[in-house]
Amino acid sequence: MYAVIATGGKQYRVAEGAVLRVEKLAADAGANVEFDQVLLVGEGDKVKVGSPFLSGSKVIATVQAHGKDDKKTIVKFRRRKHYLRQGTHRQQYTEVKITSIVAA
């Protein structure tokens, strides 16, 4: 069984036992979180699609860790205008392990 969930402005295809990195969540390591914005649930050739979400469906996950992604370089540049701005950014993430998928 698999599902497509929406969190942090992105969509993820998840299955039970999968580990993925999502945008930072306000939960401690070891805590359970529920993703109730389920867009699609599929098992074999049976697929349920929501419009936009499936009511009563949810994905339960356990928070494993928090961290920061690799450093990205940001450059804003205009040629012949003496304009150059450089910066960096490290995006924070939460690593979660999918424990169960509840389909309605």
PDB file of N, CA and C in Angstrom:
ATOM      1  N   MET A   1       0.843  -1.179   0.000  1.00  0.00           N
ATOM      2  CA  MET A   1       0.000   0.000   0.000  1.00  0.00           C
ATOM      3  C   MET A   1       0.886   1.238   0.000  1.00  0.00           C
ATOM      4  N   TYR A   2       0.475   2.243  -0.745  1.00  0.00           N
ATOM      5  CA  TYR A   2       1.204   3.494  -0.790  1.00  0.00           C
ATOM      6  C   TYR A   2       0.204   4.649  -0.749  1.00  0.00           C
ATOM      7  N   ALA A   3       0.734   5.837  -0.466  1.00  0.00           N
ATOM      8  CA  ALA A   3      -0.114   7.029  -0.401  1.00  0.00           C
ATOM      9  C   ALA A   3       0.696   8.222  -0.874  1.00  0.00           C
ATOM     10  N   VAL A   4      -0.013   9.258  -1.294  1.00  0.00           N
ATOM     11  CA  VAL A   4       0.614  10.534  -1.638  1.00  0.00           C
ATOM     12  C   VAL A   4       0.093  11.548  -0.631  1.00  0.00           C
ATOM     13  N   ILE A   5       1.023  12.176   0.113  1.00  0.00           N
ATOM     14  CA  ILE A   5       0.640  13.142   1.138  1.00  0.00           C
ATOM     15  C   ILE A   5       1.196  14.515   0.784  1.00  0.00           C
ATOM     16  N   ALA A   6       0.586  15.542   1.357  1.00  0.00           N
ATOM     17  CA  ALA A   6       1.049  16.914   1.164  1.00  0.00           C
ATOM     18  C   ALA A   6       1.469  17.469   2.514  1.00  0.00           C
ATOM     19  N   THR A   7       2.691  17.982   2.593  1.00  0.00           N
ATOM     20  CA  THR A   7       3.181  18.640   3.793  1.00  0.00           C
ATOM     21  C   THR A   7       4.300  19.593   3.412  1.00  0.00           C
ATOM     22  N   GLY A   8       4.319  20.745   4.033  1.00  0.00           N
ATOM     23  CA  GLY A   8       5.377  21.717   3.764  1.00  0.00           C
ATOM     24  C   GLY A   8       5.355  22.268   2.358  1.00  0.00           C
ATOM     25  N   GLY A   9       4.191  22.280   1.703  1.00  0.00           N
ATOM     26  CA  GLY A   9       4.095  22.800   0.357  1.00  0.00           C
ATOM     27  C   GLY A   9       4.586  21.844  -0.716  1.00  0.00           C
ATOM     28  N   LYS A  10       4.864  20.602  -0.335  1.00  0.00           N
ATOM     29  CA  LYS A  10       5.348  19.602  -1.281  1.00  0.00           C
ATOM     30  C   LYS A  10       4.501  18.342  -1.161  1.00  0.00           C
ATOM     31  N   GLN A  11       4.616  17.470  -2.149  1.00  0.00           N
ATOM     32  CA  GLN A  11       3.890  16.211  -2.137  1.00  0.00           C
ATOM     33  C   GLN A  11       4.901  15.065  -2.132  1.00  0.00           C
ATOM     34  N   TYR A  12       4.600  14.022  -1.358  1.00  0.00           N
ATOM     35  CA  TYR A  12       5.501  12.887  -1.218  1.00  0.00           C
ATOM     36  C   TYR A  12       4.725  11.597  -1.424  1.00  0.00           C
ATOM     37  N   ARG A  13       5.328  10.647  -2.142  1.00  0.00           N
ATOM     38  CA  ARG A  13       4.759   9.301  -2.271  1.00  0.00           C
ATOM     39  C   ARG A  13       5.415   8.455  -1.202  1.00  0.00           C
ATOM     40  N   VAL A  14       4.605   7.880  -0.300  1.00  0.00           N
ATOM     41  CA  VAL A  14       5.140   7.154   0.845  1.00  0.00           C
ATOM     42  C   VAL A  14       4.562   5.747   0.894  1.00  0.00           C
ATOM     43  N   ALA A  15       5.307   4.868   1.529  1.00  0.00           N
ATOM     44  CA  ALA A  15       4.862   3.500   1.803  1.00  0.00           C
ATOM     45  C   ALA A  15       5.268   3.169   3.230  1.00  0.00           C
ATOM     46  N   GLU A  16       4.678   2.131   3.802  1.00  0.00           N
ATOM     47  CA  GLU A  16       5.008   1.749   5.170  1.00  0.00           C
ATOM     48  C   GLU A  16       6.471   1.353   5.271  1.00  0.00           C
ATOM     49  N   GLY A  17       7.139   1.862   6.303  1.00  0.00           N
ATOM     50  CA  GLY A  17       8.547   1.568   6.508  1.00  0.00           C
ATOM     51  C   GLY A  17       9.497   2.522   5.813  1.00  0.00           C
ATOM     52  N   ALA A  18       8.977   3.413   4.988  1.00  0.00           N
ATOM     53  CA  ALA A  18       9.840   4.357   4.258  1.00  0.00           C
ATOM     54  C   ALA A  18      10.324   5.464   5.191  1.00  0.00           C
ATOM     55  N   VAL A  19      11.540   5.924   4.960  1.00  0.00           N
ATOM     56  CA  VAL A  19      12.115   7.049   5.706  1.00  0.00           C
ATOM     57  C   VAL A  19      12.292   8.193   4.730  1.00  0.00           C
ATOM     58  N   LEU A  20      11.773   9.374   5.087  1.00  0.00           N
ATOM     59  CA  LEU A  20      11.903  10.509   4.187  1.00  0.00           C
ATOM     60  C   LEU A  20      12.134  11.786   4.971  1.00  0.00           C
ATOM     61  N   ARG A  21      12.656  12.779   4.273  1.00  0.00           N
ATOM     62  CA  ARG A  21      12.913  14.093   4.857  1.00  0.00           C
ATOM     63  C   ARG A  21      11.846  15.064   4.384  1.00  0.00           C
ATOM     64  N   VAL A  22      11.176  15.695   5.341  1.00  0.00           N
ATOM     65  CA  VAL A  22      10.150  16.685   5.029  1.00  0.00           C
ATOM     66  C   VAL A  22      10.572  18.014   5.642  1.00  0.00           C
ATOM     67  N   GLU A  23       9.856  19.074   5.296  1.00  0.00           N
ATOM     68  CA  GLU A  23      10.133  20.379   5.891  1.00  0.00           C
ATOM     69  C   GLU A  23      10.006  20.265   7.403  1.00  0.00           C
ATOM     70  N   LYS A  24      10.714  21.108   8.141  1.00  0.00           N
ATOM     71  CA  LYS A  24      10.789  21.004   9.589  1.00  0.00           C
ATOM     72  C   LYS A  24       9.399  21.005  10.227  1.00  0.00           C
ATOM     73  N   LEU A  25       9.184  20.038  11.125  1.00  0.00           N
ATOM     74  CA  LEU A  25       7.942  19.917  11.867  1.00  0.00           C
ATOM     75  C   LEU A  25       8.186  20.259  13.334  1.00  0.00           C
ATOM     76  N   ALA A  26       7.175  20.791  13.995  1.00  0.00           N
ATOM     77  CA  ALA A  26       7.287  21.146  15.407  1.00  0.00           C
ATOM     78  C   ALA A  26       6.929  19.931  16.257  1.00  0.00           C
ATOM     79  N   ALA A  27       7.814  18.941  16.276  1.00  0.00           N
ATOM     80  CA  ALA A  27       7.614  17.726  17.066  1.00  0.00           C
ATOM     81  C   ALA A  27       8.981  17.227  17.525  1.00  0.00           C
ATOM     82  N   ASP A  28       9.012  16.651  18.711  1.00  0.00           N
ATOM     83  CA  ASP A  28      10.265  16.134  19.253  1.00  0.00           C
ATOM     84  C   ASP A  28      10.607  14.790  18.609  1.00  0.00           C
ATOM     85  N   ALA A  29      11.884  14.434  18.685  1.00  0.00           N
ATOM     86  CA  ALA A  29      12.324  13.146  18.161  1.00  0.00           C
ATOM     87  C   ALA A  29      11.666  12.034  18.962  1.00  0.00           C
ATOM     88  N   GLY A  30      11.150  11.029  18.272  1.00  0.00           N
ATOM     89  CA  GLY A  30      10.459   9.924  18.914  1.00  0.00           C
ATOM     90  C   GLY A  30       8.952  10.101  18.979  1.00  0.00           C
ATOM     91  N   ALA A  31       8.461  11.298  18.692  1.00  0.00           N
ATOM     92  CA  ALA A  31       7.022  11.566  18.742  1.00  0.00           C
ATOM     93  C   ALA A  31       6.345  11.068  17.469  1.00  0.00           C
ATOM     94  N   ASN A  32       5.058  10.768  17.586  1.00  0.00           N
ATOM     95  CA  ASN A  32       4.269  10.372  16.425  1.00  0.00           C
ATOM     96  C   ASN A  32       3.602  11.596  15.823  1.00  0.00           C
ATOM     97  N   VAL A  33       3.566  11.667  14.499  1.00  0.00           N
ATOM     98  CA  VAL A  33       2.880  12.751  13.801  1.00  0.00           C
ATOM     99  C   VAL A  33       1.899  12.135  12.810  1.00  0.00           C
ATOM    100  N   GLU A  34       0.808  12.867  12.557  1.00  0.00           N
ATOM    101  CA  GLU A  34      -0.199  12.414  11.603  1.00  0.00           C
ATOM    102  C   GLU A  34      -0.257  13.381  10.438  1.00  0.00           C
ATOM    103  N   PHE A  35      -0.238  12.841   9.247  1.00  0.00           N
ATOM    104  CA  PHE A  35      -0.428  13.627   8.041  1.00  0.00           C
ATOM    105  C   PHE A  35      -1.842  13.331   7.553  1.00  0.00           C
ATOM    106  N   ASP A  36      -2.749  14.308   7.669  1.00  0.00           N
ATOM    107  CA  ASP A  36      -4.132  14.075   7.280  1.00  0.00           C
ATOM    108  C   ASP A  36      -4.451  14.609   5.890  1.00  0.00           C
ATOM    109  N   GLN A  37      -3.509  15.259   5.253  1.00  0.00           N
ATOM    110  CA  GLN A  37      -3.716  15.734   3.885  1.00  0.00           C
ATOM    111  C   GLN A  37      -3.252  14.640   2.918  1.00  0.00           C
ATOM    112  N   VAL A  38      -4.090  13.629   2.764  1.00  0.00           N
ATOM    113  CA  VAL A  38      -3.789  12.495   1.895  1.00  0.00           C
ATOM    114  C   VAL A  38      -4.474  12.737   0.555  1.00  0.00           C
ATOM    115  N   LEU A  39      -3.697  12.776  -0.511  1.00  0.00           N
ATOM    116  CA  LEU A  39      -4.220  13.050  -1.840  1.00  0.00           C
ATOM    117  C   LEU A  39      -4.645  11.783  -2.577  1.00  0.00           C
ATOM    118  N   LEU A  40      -3.951  10.677  -2.308  1.00  0.00           N
ATOM    119  CA  LEU A  40      -4.170   9.448  -3.069  1.00  0.00           C
ATOM    120  C   LEU A  40      -3.749   8.257  -2.227  1.00  0.00           C
ATOM    121  N   VAL A  41      -4.496   7.174  -2.320  1.00  0.00           N
ATOM    122  CA  VAL A  41      -4.124   5.918  -1.669  1.00  0.00           C
ATOM    123  C   VAL A  41      -4.263   4.819  -2.702  1.00  0.00           C
ATOM    124  N   GLY A  42      -3.226   3.983  -2.809  1.00  0.00           N
ATOM    125  CA  GLY A  42      -3.257   2.907  -3.789  1.00  0.00           C
ATOM    126  C   GLY A  42      -2.761   1.606  -3.207  1.00  0.00           C
ATOM    127  N   GLU A  43      -3.377   0.509  -3.660  1.00  0.00           N
ATOM    128  CA  GLU A  43      -2.930  -0.821  -3.277  1.00  0.00           C
ATOM    129  C   GLU A  43      -3.181  -1.732  -4.470  1.00  0.00           C
ATOM    130  N   GLY A  44      -2.103  -2.167  -5.098  1.00  0.00           N
ATOM    131  CA  GLY A  44      -2.237  -2.970  -6.310  1.00  0.00           C
ATOM    132  C   GLY A  44      -2.836  -2.132  -7.433  1.00  0.00           C
ATOM    133  N   ASP A  45      -3.938  -2.619  -8.015  1.00  0.00           N
ATOM    134  CA  ASP A  45      -4.584  -1.859  -9.079  1.00  0.00           C
ATOM    135  C   ASP A  45      -5.777  -1.061  -8.577  1.00  0.00           C
ATOM    136  N   LYS A  46      -5.988  -1.038  -7.251  1.00  0.00           N
ATOM    137  CA  LYS A  46      -7.048  -0.220  -6.647  1.00  0.00           C
ATOM    138  C   LYS A  46      -6.461   1.119  -6.222  1.00  0.00           C
ATOM    139  N   VAL A  47      -7.002   2.198  -6.752  1.00  0.00           N
ATOM    140  CA  VAL A  47      -6.495   3.537  -6.441  1.00  0.00           C
ATOM    141  C   VAL A  47      -7.669   4.434  -6.062  1.00  0.00           C
ATOM    142  N   LYS A  48      -7.534   5.128  -4.920  1.00  0.00           N
ATOM    143  CA  LYS A  48      -8.540   6.110  -4.502  1.00  0.00           C
ATOM    144  C   LYS A  48      -7.903   7.489  -4.600  1.00  0.00           C
ATOM    145  N   VAL A  49      -8.573   8.394  -5.298  1.00  0.00           N
ATOM    146  CA  VAL A  49      -8.055   9.742  -5.493  1.00  0.00           C
ATOM    147  C   VAL A  49      -9.022  10.719  -4.845  1.00  0.00           C
ATOM    148  N   GLY A  50      -8.494  11.657  -4.058  1.00  0.00           N
ATOM    149  CA  GLY A  50      -9.316  12.661  -3.400  1.00  0.00           C
ATOM    150  C   GLY A  50      -9.484  13.892  -4.262  1.00  0.00           C
ATOM    151  N   SER A  51     -10.396  14.759  -3.822  1.00  0.00           N
ATOM    152  CA  SER A  51     -10.592  16.006  -4.560  1.00  0.00           C
ATOM    153  C   SER A  51     -10.731  17.170  -3.583  1.00  0.00           C
ATOM    154  N   PRO A  52      -9.702  17.771  -3.057  1.00  0.00           N
ATOM    155  CA  PRO A  52      -8.285  17.417  -3.246  1.00  0.00           C
ATOM    156  C   PRO A  52      -7.792  16.361  -2.262  1.00  0.00           C
ATOM    157  N   PHE A  53      -8.465  16.188  -1.086  1.00  0.00           N
ATOM    158  CA  PHE A  53      -7.983  15.246  -0.090  1.00  0.00           C
ATOM    159  C   PHE A  53      -9.014  14.139   0.139  1.00  0.00           C
ATOM    160  N   LEU A  54      -8.527  12.986   0.593  1.00  0.00           N
ATOM    161  CA  LEU A  54      -9.399  11.879   0.966  1.00  0.00           C
ATOM    162  C   LEU A  54      -9.829  12.080   2.419  1.00  0.00           C
ATOM    163  N   SER A  55     -11.126  12.163   2.660  1.00  0.00           N
ATOM    164  CA  SER A  55     -11.592  12.363   4.027  1.00  0.00           C
ATOM    165  C   SER A  55     -11.495  11.051   4.795  1.00  0.00           C
ATOM    166  N   GLY A  56     -11.038  11.141   6.040  1.00  0.00           N
ATOM    167  CA  GLY A  56     -10.902   9.960   6.883  1.00  0.00           C
ATOM    168  C   GLY A  56      -9.603   9.205   6.704  1.00  0.00           C
ATOM    169  N   SER A  57      -8.795   9.556   5.747  1.00  0.00           N
ATOM    170  CA  SER A  57      -7.506   8.892   5.525  1.00  0.00           C
ATOM    171  C   SER A  57      -6.408   9.666   6.215  1.00  0.00           C
ATOM    172  N   LYS A  58      -5.416   8.942   6.710  1.00  0.00           N
ATOM    173  CA  LYS A  58      -4.272   9.591   7.337  1.00  0.00           C
ATOM    174  C   LYS A  58      -3.062   8.682   7.265  1.00  0.00           C
ATOM    175  N   VAL A  59      -1.905   9.310   7.400  1.00  0.00           N
ATOM    176  CA  VAL A  59      -0.632   8.588   7.421  1.00  0.00           C
ATOM    177  C   VAL A  59       0.028   8.905   8.749  1.00  0.00           C
ATOM    178  N   ILE A  60       0.428   7.876   9.478  1.00  0.00           N
ATOM    179  CA  ILE A  60       1.059   8.051  10.784  1.00  0.00           C
ATOM    180  C   ILE A  60       2.545   7.772  10.640  1.00  0.00           C
ATOM    181  N   ALA A  61       3.355   8.676  11.209  1.00  0.00           N
ATOM    182  CA  ALA A  61       4.805   8.552  11.104  1.00  0.00           C
ATOM    183  C   ALA A  61       5.442   8.852  12.452  1.00  0.00           C
ATOM    184  N   THR A  62       6.683   8.408  12.614  1.00  0.00           N
ATOM    185  CA  THR A  62       7.461   8.668  13.815  1.00  0.00           C
ATOM    186  C   THR A  62       8.637   9.555  13.446  1.00  0.00           C
ATOM    187  N   VAL A  63       8.839  10.613  14.238  1.00  0.00           N
ATOM    188  CA  VAL A  63       9.958  11.531  13.992  1.00  0.00           C
ATOM    189  C   VAL A  63      11.239  10.854  14.450  1.00  0.00           C
ATOM    190  N   GLN A  64      12.208  10.763  13.548  1.00  0.00           N
ATOM    191  CA  GLN A  64      13.484  10.138  13.895  1.00  0.00           C
ATOM    192  C   GLN A  64      14.537  11.170  14.276  1.00  0.00           C
ATOM    193  N   ALA A  65      14.623  12.258  13.515  1.00  0.00           N
ATOM    194  CA  ALA A  65      15.665  13.253  13.794  1.00  0.00           C
ATOM    195  C   ALA A  65      15.327  14.567  13.116  1.00  0.00           C
ATOM    196  N   HIS A  66      15.988  15.610  13.570  1.00  0.00           N
ATOM    197  CA  HIS A  66      15.940  16.918  12.931  1.00  0.00           C
ATOM    198  C   HIS A  66      17.344  17.237  12.440  1.00  0.00           C
ATOM    199  N   GLY A  67      17.439  18.066  11.417  1.00  0.00           N
ATOM    200  CA  GLY A  67      18.760  18.418  10.919  1.00  0.00           C
ATOM    201  C   GLY A  67      18.710  19.561   9.931  1.00  0.00           C
ATOM    202  N   LYS A  68      19.889  19.873   9.387  1.00  0.00           N
ATOM    203  CA  LYS A  68      20.012  20.908   8.370  1.00  0.00           C
ATOM    204  C   LYS A  68      20.579  20.284   7.108  1.00  0.00           C
ATOM    205  N   ASP A  69      20.069  20.699   5.975  1.00  0.00           N
ATOM    206  CA  ASP A  69      20.506  20.198   4.684  1.00  0.00           C
ATOM    207  C   ASP A  69      21.851  20.817   4.316  1.00  0.00           C
ATOM    208  N   ASP A  70      22.403  20.415   3.185  1.00  0.00           N
ATOM    209  CA  ASP A  70      23.666  20.983   2.719  1.00  0.00           C
ATOM    210  C   ASP A  70      23.509  22.465   2.419  1.00  0.00           C
ATOM    211  N   LYS A  71      24.615  23.176   2.465  1.00  0.00           N
ATOM    212  CA  LYS A  71      24.600  24.612   2.225  1.00  0.00           C
ATOM    213  C   LYS A  71      24.422  24.906   0.734  1.00  0.00           C
ATOM    214  N   LYS A  72      23.498  25.798   0.424  1.00  0.00           N
ATOM    215  CA  LYS A  72      23.248  26.233  -0.949  1.00  0.00           C
ATOM    216  C   LYS A  72      23.746  27.666  -1.104  1.00  0.00           C
ATOM    217  N   THR A  73      24.361  27.952  -2.246  1.00  0.00           N
ATOM    218  CA  THR A  73      24.854  29.293  -2.532  1.00  0.00           C
ATOM    219  C   THR A  73      23.816  30.067  -3.322  1.00  0.00           C
ATOM    220  N   ILE A  74      23.574  31.293  -2.913  1.00  0.00           N
ATOM    221  CA  ILE A  74      22.612  32.167  -3.585  1.00  0.00           C
ATOM    222  C   ILE A  74      23.375  33.344  -4.169  1.00  0.00           C
ATOM    223  N   VAL A  75      23.197  33.607  -5.465  1.00  0.00           N
ATOM    224  CA  VAL A  75      23.888  34.712  -6.130  1.00  0.00           C
ATOM    225  C   VAL A  75      22.874  35.547  -6.897  1.00  0.00           C
ATOM    226  N   LYS A  76      22.863  36.851  -6.629  1.00  0.00           N
ATOM    227  CA  LYS A  76      22.071  37.793  -7.419  1.00  0.00           C
ATOM    228  C   LYS A  76      23.073  38.688  -8.133  1.00  0.00           C
ATOM    229  N   PHE A  77      22.952  38.791  -9.446  1.00  0.00           N
ATOM    230  CA  PHE A  77      23.969  39.478 -10.233  1.00  0.00           C
ATOM    231  C   PHE A  77      23.320  40.206 -11.403  1.00  0.00           C
ATOM    232  N   ARG A  78      23.719  41.447 -11.617  1.00  0.00           N
ATOM    233  CA  ARG A  78      23.314  42.215 -12.799  1.00  0.00           C
ATOM    234  C   ARG A  78      24.591  42.678 -13.508  1.00  0.00           C
ATOM    235  N   ARG A  79      24.730  42.279 -14.741  1.00  0.00           N
ATOM    236  CA  ARG A  79      25.958  42.622 -15.441  1.00  0.00           C
ATOM    237  C   ARG A  79      25.999  44.120 -15.761  1.00  0.00           C
ATOM    238  N   ARG A  80      27.175  44.679 -15.716  1.00  0.00           N
ATOM    239  CA  ARG A  80      27.468  46.085 -16.018  1.00  0.00           C
ATOM    240  C   ARG A  80      26.743  47.064 -15.113  1.00  0.00           C
ATOM    241  N   LYS A  81      26.247  46.638 -13.967  1.00  0.00           N
ATOM    242  CA  LYS A  81      25.516  47.531 -13.060  1.00  0.00           C
ATOM    243  C   LYS A  81      26.169  47.616 -11.689  1.00  0.00           C
ATOM    244  N   HIS A  82      27.332  47.002 -11.531  1.00  0.00           N
ATOM    245  CA  HIS A  82      28.013  46.956 -10.236  1.00  0.00           C
ATOM    246  C   HIS A  82      27.100  46.387  -9.159  1.00  0.00           C
ATOM    247  N   TYR A  83      26.377  45.315  -9.512  1.00  0.00           N
ATOM    248  CA  TYR A  83      25.447  44.698  -8.568  1.00  0.00           C
ATOM    249  C   TYR A  83      25.781  43.225  -8.419  1.00  0.00           C
ATOM    250  N   LEU A  84      26.191  42.824  -7.211  1.00  0.00           N
ATOM    251  CA  LEU A  84      26.469  41.432  -6.898  1.00  0.00           C
ATOM    252  C   LEU A  84      26.143  41.207  -5.439  1.00  0.00           C
ATOM    253  N   ARG A  85      25.237  40.276  -5.186  1.00  0.00           N
ATOM    254  CA  ARG A  85      24.883  39.906  -3.815  1.00  0.00           C
ATOM    255  C   ARG A  85      25.051  38.399  -3.692  1.00  0.00           C
ATOM    256  N   GLN A  86      25.799  37.982  -2.690  1.00  0.00           N
ATOM    257  CA  GLN A  86      26.035  36.566  -2.478  1.00  0.00           C
ATOM    258  C   GLN A  86      25.589  36.186  -1.072  1.00  0.00           C
ATOM    259  N   GLY A  87      25.035  35.007  -0.948  1.00  0.00           N
ATOM    260  CA  GLY A  87      24.618  34.519   0.356  1.00  0.00           C
ATOM    261  C   GLY A  87      24.526  33.009   0.336  1.00  0.00           C
ATOM    262  N   THR A  88      24.226  32.449   1.488  1.00  0.00           N
ATOM    263  CA  THR A  88      24.063  31.006   1.593  1.00  0.00           C
ATOM    264  C   THR A  88      22.816  30.703   2.416  1.00  0.00           C
ATOM    265  N   HIS A  89      22.360  29.460   2.320  1.00  0.00           N
ATOM    266  CA  HIS A  89      21.162  29.038   3.044  1.00  0.00           C
ATOM    267  C   HIS A  89      21.256  27.554   3.361  1.00  0.00           C
ATOM    268  N   ARG A  90      20.853  27.186   4.572  1.00  0.00           N
ATOM    269  CA  ARG A  90      20.756  25.777   4.961  1.00  0.00           C
ATOM    270  C   ARG A  90      19.334  25.514   5.412  1.00  0.00           C
ATOM    271  N   GLN A  91      18.615  24.691   4.662  1.00  0.00           N
ATOM    272  CA  GLN A  91      17.221  24.396   4.962  1.00  0.00           C
ATOM    273  C   GLN A  91      17.122  23.366   6.091  1.00  0.00           C
ATOM    274  N   GLN A  92      16.237  23.599   7.045  1.00  0.00           N
ATOM    275  CA  GLN A  92      16.027  22.649   8.129  1.00  0.00           C
ATOM    276  C   GLN A  92      15.024  21.592   7.694  1.00  0.00           C
ATOM    277  N   TYR A  93      15.219  20.367   8.171  1.00  0.00           N
ATOM    278  CA  TYR A  93      14.334  19.271   7.799  1.00  0.00           C
ATOM    279  C   TYR A  93      14.043  18.392   9.008  1.00  0.00           C
ATOM    280  N   THR A  94      13.030  17.561   8.859  1.00  0.00           N
ATOM    281  CA  THR A  94      12.687  16.547   9.839  1.00  0.00           C
ATOM    282  C   THR A  94      12.663  15.206   9.117  1.00  0.00           C
ATOM    283  N   GLU A  95      13.347  14.230   9.694  1.00  0.00           N
ATOM    284  CA  GLU A  95      13.383  12.900   9.113  1.00  0.00           C
ATOM    285  C   GLU A  95      12.325  12.046   9.810  1.00  0.00           C
ATOM    286  N   VAL A  96      11.390  11.507   9.022  1.00  0.00           N
ATOM    287  CA  VAL A  96      10.296  10.715   9.587  1.00  0.00           C
ATOM    288  C   VAL A  96      10.278   9.326   8.970  1.00  0.00           C
ATOM    289  N   LYS A  97       9.782   8.362   9.760  1.00  0.00           N
ATOM    290  CA  LYS A  97       9.616   6.986   9.291  1.00  0.00           C
ATOM    291  C   LYS A  97       8.122   6.688   9.295  1.00  0.00           C
ATOM    292  N   ILE A  98       7.599   6.251   8.165  1.00  0.00           N
ATOM    293  CA  ILE A  98       6.176   5.967   8.021  1.00  0.00           C
ATOM    294  C   ILE A  98       5.868   4.644   8.728  1.00  0.00           C
ATOM    295  N   THR A  99       4.921   4.701   9.676  1.00  0.00           N
ATOM    296  CA  THR A  99       4.577   3.490  10.437  1.00  0.00           C
ATOM    297  C   THR A  99       3.289   2.852   9.931  1.00  0.00           C
ATOM    298  N   SER A 100       2.300   3.656   9.536  1.00  0.00           N
ATOM    299  CA  SER A 100       1.060   3.055   9.024  1.00  0.00           C
ATOM    300  C   SER A 100       0.310   4.021   8.121  1.00  0.00           C
ATOM    301  N   ILE A 101      -0.477   3.432   7.237  1.00  0.00           N
ATOM    302  CA  ILE A 101      -1.337   4.180   6.324  1.00  0.00           C
ATOM    303  C   ILE A 101      -2.767   3.728   6.577  1.00  0.00           C
ATOM    304  N   VAL A 102      -3.630   4.678   6.941  1.00  0.00           N
ATOM    305  CA  VAL A 102      -5.035   4.379   7.214  1.00  0.00           C
ATOM    306  C   VAL A 102      -5.858   4.919   6.059  1.00  0.00           C
ATOM    307  N   ALA A 103      -6.468   4.026   5.290  1.00  0.00           N
ATOM    308  CA  ALA A 103      -7.292   4.433   4.149  1.00  0.00           C
ATOM    309  C   ALA A 103      -8.758   4.320   4.521  1.00  0.00           C
ATOM    310  N   ALA A 104      -9.524   5.360   4.169  1.00  0.00           N
ATOM    311  CA  ALA A 104     -10.957   5.344   4.491  1.00  0.00           C
ATOM    312  C   ALA A 104     -11.765   4.760   3.344  1.00  0.00           C
TER     313      ALA A 104
END
